[in-house]
Amino acid sequence: MTIKKGGHVFEGLNKPIKTPRHKSGKAGAVVVKIKGKEKLIRFGMQGAANKPPRKGESQADKDKRAAFKARFARLIKKGPSSAAYWADKTRW
């Protein structure tokens, strides 16, 4: 099932895509269902120096990830209706 929303084509609900050149400055987008309606959520900053966990990473990278998660913990807890949730899941 494909979904067309905001000029993008999604493979389905809760399937994030990358939008590296979008004019909004956001690095990703996802369509979620909130109260029975489909909603487009844009998330993440284009060009941010975020790095997902990887083998042999520096302590500075670990600290940076921990700081992001601590700073946005309240918003991440809101779940799939939150841009912070998707940024945490896909970019950090």
N, C-alpha and C. Protein backbone atom coordinates (compact mmCIF):
# COMPACT_ATOMS: atom_id res chain seq x y z
N MET A 1 0.84 -1.18 0.00
CA MET A 1 0.00 0.00 0.00
C MET A 1 0.89 1.24 0.00
N THR A 2 0.84 2.04 -1.02
CA THR A 2 1.62 3.27 -1.07
C THR A 2 0.73 4.45 -0.69
N ILE A 3 1.36 5.43 -0.08
CA ILE A 3 0.67 6.64 0.36
C ILE A 3 1.38 7.83 -0.25
N LYS A 4 0.62 8.72 -0.88
CA LYS A 4 1.18 9.95 -1.44
C LYS A 4 0.76 11.10 -0.54
N LYS A 5 1.73 11.80 0.00
CA LYS A 5 1.44 12.89 0.93
C LYS A 5 2.61 13.88 0.89
N GLY A 6 2.31 15.15 0.81
CA GLY A 6 3.34 16.18 0.86
C GLY A 6 4.35 16.11 -0.27
N GLY A 7 3.93 15.60 -1.41
CA GLY A 7 4.85 15.49 -2.54
C GLY A 7 5.79 14.31 -2.47
N HIS A 8 5.55 13.41 -1.55
CA HIS A 8 6.39 12.22 -1.38
C HIS A 8 5.53 10.96 -1.51
N VAL A 9 6.20 9.86 -1.78
CA VAL A 9 5.52 8.56 -1.84
C VAL A 9 6.08 7.70 -0.71
N PHE A 10 5.20 7.20 0.14
CA PHE A 10 5.58 6.38 1.28
C PHE A 10 5.12 4.95 1.04
N GLU A 11 5.89 3.99 1.55
CA GLU A 11 5.54 2.58 1.40
C GLU A 11 4.36 2.18 2.27
N GLY A 12 4.03 2.97 3.24
CA GLY A 12 2.91 2.70 4.14
C GLY A 12 2.99 3.58 5.36
N LEU A 13 2.06 3.36 6.28
CA LEU A 13 2.07 4.10 7.54
C LEU A 13 3.30 3.71 8.35
N ASN A 14 3.85 4.66 9.08
CA ASN A 14 4.99 4.44 9.97
C ASN A 14 6.23 3.92 9.23
N LYS A 15 6.38 4.30 7.96
CA LYS A 15 7.55 3.93 7.15
C LYS A 15 8.28 5.23 6.78
N PRO A 16 9.27 5.65 7.58
CA PRO A 16 9.95 6.91 7.32
C PRO A 16 10.80 6.89 6.04
N ILE A 17 10.93 8.06 5.42
CA ILE A 17 11.78 8.23 4.25
C ILE A 17 12.74 9.39 4.51
N LYS A 18 13.82 9.45 3.75
CA LYS A 18 14.76 10.56 3.84
C LYS A 18 14.32 11.67 2.90
N THR A 19 14.47 12.92 3.33
CA THR A 19 14.16 14.08 2.50
C THR A 19 15.33 15.06 2.61
N PRO A 20 16.50 14.70 2.09
CA PRO A 20 17.70 15.50 2.31
C PRO A 20 17.71 16.88 1.65
N ARG A 21 16.89 17.10 0.64
CA ARG A 21 16.91 18.39 -0.04
C ARG A 21 15.59 19.15 0.08
N HIS A 22 14.76 18.77 1.03
CA HIS A 22 13.46 19.42 1.17
C HIS A 22 13.64 20.83 1.71
N LYS A 23 12.86 21.76 1.19
CA LYS A 23 13.00 23.18 1.56
C LYS A 23 12.69 23.47 3.02
N SER A 24 12.01 22.54 3.70
CA SER A 24 11.67 22.76 5.11
C SER A 24 12.91 22.66 6.01
N GLY A 25 13.99 22.09 5.48
CA GLY A 25 15.19 21.90 6.30
C GLY A 25 15.14 20.63 7.13
N LYS A 26 14.11 19.84 6.93
CA LYS A 26 13.97 18.59 7.68
C LYS A 26 14.56 17.43 6.89
N ALA A 27 15.17 16.49 7.57
CA ALA A 27 15.91 15.40 6.92
C ALA A 27 15.06 14.17 6.65
N GLY A 28 13.87 14.09 7.24
CA GLY A 28 13.04 12.90 7.05
C GLY A 28 11.57 13.23 7.18
N ALA A 29 10.74 12.29 6.73
CA ALA A 29 9.30 12.44 6.85
C ALA A 29 8.67 11.06 7.03
N VAL A 30 7.50 11.05 7.65
CA VAL A 30 6.77 9.81 7.88
C VAL A 30 5.28 10.14 7.95
N VAL A 31 4.45 9.20 7.53
CA VAL A 31 3.00 9.36 7.64
C VAL A 31 2.52 8.44 8.77
N VAL A 32 1.79 9.02 9.72
CA VAL A 32 1.24 8.26 10.84
C VAL A 32 -0.26 8.49 10.91
N LYS A 33 -0.96 7.60 11.57
CA LYS A 33 -2.40 7.74 11.75
C LYS A 33 -2.66 8.23 13.16
N ILE A 34 -3.28 9.41 13.26
CA ILE A 34 -3.60 10.02 14.55
C ILE A 34 -5.09 10.31 14.57
N LYS A 35 -5.79 9.73 15.52
CA LYS A 35 -7.24 9.89 15.67
C LYS A 35 -7.97 9.59 14.36
N GLY A 36 -7.54 8.53 13.67
CA GLY A 36 -8.21 8.09 12.46
C GLY A 36 -7.82 8.84 11.19
N LYS A 37 -6.94 9.82 11.30
CA LYS A 37 -6.53 10.59 10.13
C LYS A 37 -5.04 10.42 9.88
N GLU A 38 -4.67 10.39 8.61
CA GLU A 38 -3.25 10.31 8.25
C GLU A 38 -2.62 11.69 8.39
N LYS A 39 -1.44 11.73 8.99
CA LYS A 39 -0.76 13.00 9.21
C LYS A 39 0.69 12.86 8.79
N LEU A 40 1.22 13.85 8.10
CA LEU A 40 2.61 13.89 7.69
C LEU A 40 3.43 14.56 8.78
N ILE A 41 4.48 13.89 9.22
CA ILE A 41 5.38 14.45 10.24
C ILE A 41 6.77 14.55 9.64
N ARG A 42 7.34 15.75 9.67
CA ARG A 42 8.71 15.95 9.21
C ARG A 42 9.60 16.02 10.45
N PHE A 43 10.81 15.47 10.35
CA PHE A 43 11.66 15.39 11.53
C PHE A 43 13.13 15.47 11.14
N GLY A 44 13.98 15.80 12.11
CA GLY A 44 15.43 15.81 11.94
C GLY A 44 15.93 17.03 11.19
N MET A 45 17.10 17.48 11.56
CA MET A 45 17.70 18.64 10.91
C MET A 45 18.65 18.19 9.80
N GLN A 46 18.47 18.77 8.61
CA GLN A 46 19.38 18.45 7.51
C GLN A 46 20.79 18.87 7.89
N GLY A 47 21.76 18.04 7.61
CA GLY A 47 23.15 18.38 7.84
C GLY A 47 23.61 18.23 9.29
N ALA A 48 22.74 17.75 10.15
CA ALA A 48 23.13 17.57 11.56
C ALA A 48 24.21 16.49 11.64
N ALA A 49 25.12 16.66 12.56
CA ALA A 49 26.22 15.71 12.72
C ALA A 49 25.84 14.60 13.69
N ASN A 50 24.67 14.02 13.49
CA ASN A 50 24.23 12.93 14.36
C ASN A 50 24.75 11.60 13.81
N LYS A 51 25.01 10.69 14.70
CA LYS A 51 25.57 9.41 14.31
C LYS A 51 24.90 8.29 15.09
N PRO A 52 24.33 7.32 14.40
CA PRO A 52 23.73 6.19 15.12
C PRO A 52 24.81 5.36 15.80
N PRO A 53 24.46 4.55 16.79
CA PRO A 53 25.46 3.73 17.48
C PRO A 53 26.22 2.83 16.49
N ARG A 54 27.52 2.74 16.70
CA ARG A 54 28.33 1.88 15.84
C ARG A 54 29.53 1.37 16.62
N LYS A 55 30.14 0.35 16.10
CA LYS A 55 31.28 -0.28 16.77
C LYS A 55 32.49 0.66 16.75
N GLY A 56 33.15 0.79 17.88
CA GLY A 56 34.37 1.59 17.97
C GLY A 56 34.15 3.10 17.95
N GLU A 57 32.96 3.57 18.33
CA GLU A 57 32.71 5.01 18.31
C GLU A 57 33.38 5.71 19.49
N SER A 58 33.58 7.01 19.36
CA SER A 58 34.25 7.78 20.39
C SER A 58 33.30 8.07 21.55
N GLN A 59 33.87 8.41 22.67
CA GLN A 59 33.06 8.77 23.85
C GLN A 59 32.28 10.05 23.56
N ALA A 60 32.85 10.97 22.78
CA ALA A 60 32.16 12.21 22.44
C ALA A 60 30.87 11.93 21.68
N ASP A 61 30.90 10.96 20.78
CA ASP A 61 29.69 10.59 20.03
C ASP A 61 28.64 9.98 20.96
N LYS A 62 29.08 9.16 21.90
CA LYS A 62 28.16 8.57 22.87
C LYS A 62 27.52 9.67 23.73
N ASP A 63 28.34 10.63 24.16
CA ASP A 63 27.84 11.72 24.98
C ASP A 63 26.84 12.59 24.21
N LYS A 64 27.13 12.82 22.92
CA LYS A 64 26.25 13.62 22.09
C LYS A 64 24.88 12.95 21.94
N ARG A 65 24.89 11.63 21.73
CA ARG A 65 23.64 10.88 21.61
C ARG A 65 22.86 10.93 22.93
N ALA A 66 23.57 10.74 24.03
CA ALA A 66 22.92 10.77 25.35
C ALA A 66 22.30 12.14 25.62
N ALA A 67 22.98 13.21 25.21
CA ALA A 67 22.47 14.56 25.41
C ALA A 67 21.19 14.78 24.61
N PHE A 68 21.16 14.29 23.37
CA PHE A 68 19.95 14.42 22.55
C PHE A 68 18.78 13.69 23.21
N LYS A 69 19.04 12.45 23.62
CA LYS A 69 17.97 11.64 24.22
C LYS A 69 17.48 12.25 25.53
N ALA A 70 18.36 12.85 26.30
CA ALA A 70 17.96 13.49 27.56
C ALA A 70 17.17 14.77 27.29
N ARG A 71 17.62 15.54 26.32
CA ARG A 71 16.98 16.82 25.99
C ARG A 71 15.55 16.63 25.46
N PHE A 72 15.34 15.57 24.68
CA PHE A 72 14.04 15.35 24.06
C PHE A 72 13.27 14.18 24.66
N ALA A 73 13.66 13.69 25.82
CA ALA A 73 13.04 12.51 26.43
C ALA A 73 11.53 12.68 26.57
N ARG A 74 11.08 13.84 27.00
CA ARG A 74 9.65 14.09 27.20
C ARG A 74 8.88 13.97 25.88
N LEU A 75 9.47 14.48 24.80
CA LEU A 75 8.80 14.42 23.49
C LEU A 75 8.90 13.03 22.87
N ILE A 76 10.01 12.34 23.09
CA ILE A 76 10.19 10.99 22.56
C ILE A 76 9.14 10.06 23.16
N LYS A 77 8.80 10.27 24.45
CA LYS A 77 7.82 9.44 25.14
C LYS A 77 6.42 9.55 24.53
N LYS A 78 6.15 10.62 23.80
CA LYS A 78 4.82 10.80 23.19
C LYS A 78 4.54 9.74 22.13
N GLY A 79 5.59 9.12 21.62
CA GLY A 79 5.41 8.03 20.66
C GLY A 79 5.39 8.49 19.21
N PRO A 80 4.83 7.68 18.33
CA PRO A 80 4.88 7.92 16.89
C PRO A 80 4.24 9.22 16.41
N SER A 81 3.50 9.92 17.24
CA SER A 81 2.91 11.19 16.82
C SER A 81 3.89 12.35 17.01
N SER A 82 5.09 12.06 17.48
CA SER A 82 6.09 13.08 17.78
C SER A 82 7.27 13.03 16.80
N ALA A 83 7.69 14.19 16.32
CA ALA A 83 8.86 14.26 15.44
C ALA A 83 10.12 13.79 16.17
N ALA A 84 10.22 14.08 17.47
CA ALA A 84 11.37 13.67 18.26
C ALA A 84 11.48 12.14 18.32
N TYR A 85 10.35 11.47 18.39
CA TYR A 85 10.33 10.00 18.40
C TYR A 85 10.98 9.46 17.13
N TRP A 86 10.60 10.00 15.97
CA TRP A 86 11.12 9.52 14.70
C TRP A 86 12.59 9.90 14.50
N ALA A 87 12.98 11.08 14.97
CA ALA A 87 14.39 11.48 14.88
C ALA A 87 15.24 10.53 15.73
N ASP A 88 14.76 10.21 16.93
CA ASP A 88 15.46 9.30 17.81
C ASP A 88 15.57 7.91 17.18
N LYS A 89 14.49 7.44 16.60
CA LYS A 89 14.45 6.10 16.04
C LYS A 89 15.29 5.94 14.79
N THR A 90 15.31 6.95 13.92
CA THR A 90 15.99 6.80 12.63
C THR A 90 17.36 7.46 12.54
N ARG A 91 17.60 8.50 13.31
CA ARG A 91 18.83 9.26 13.15
C ARG A 91 19.81 9.14 14.30
N TRP A 92 19.35 8.79 15.50
CA TRP A 92 20.24 8.70 16.66
C TRP A 92 20.34 7.28 17.10
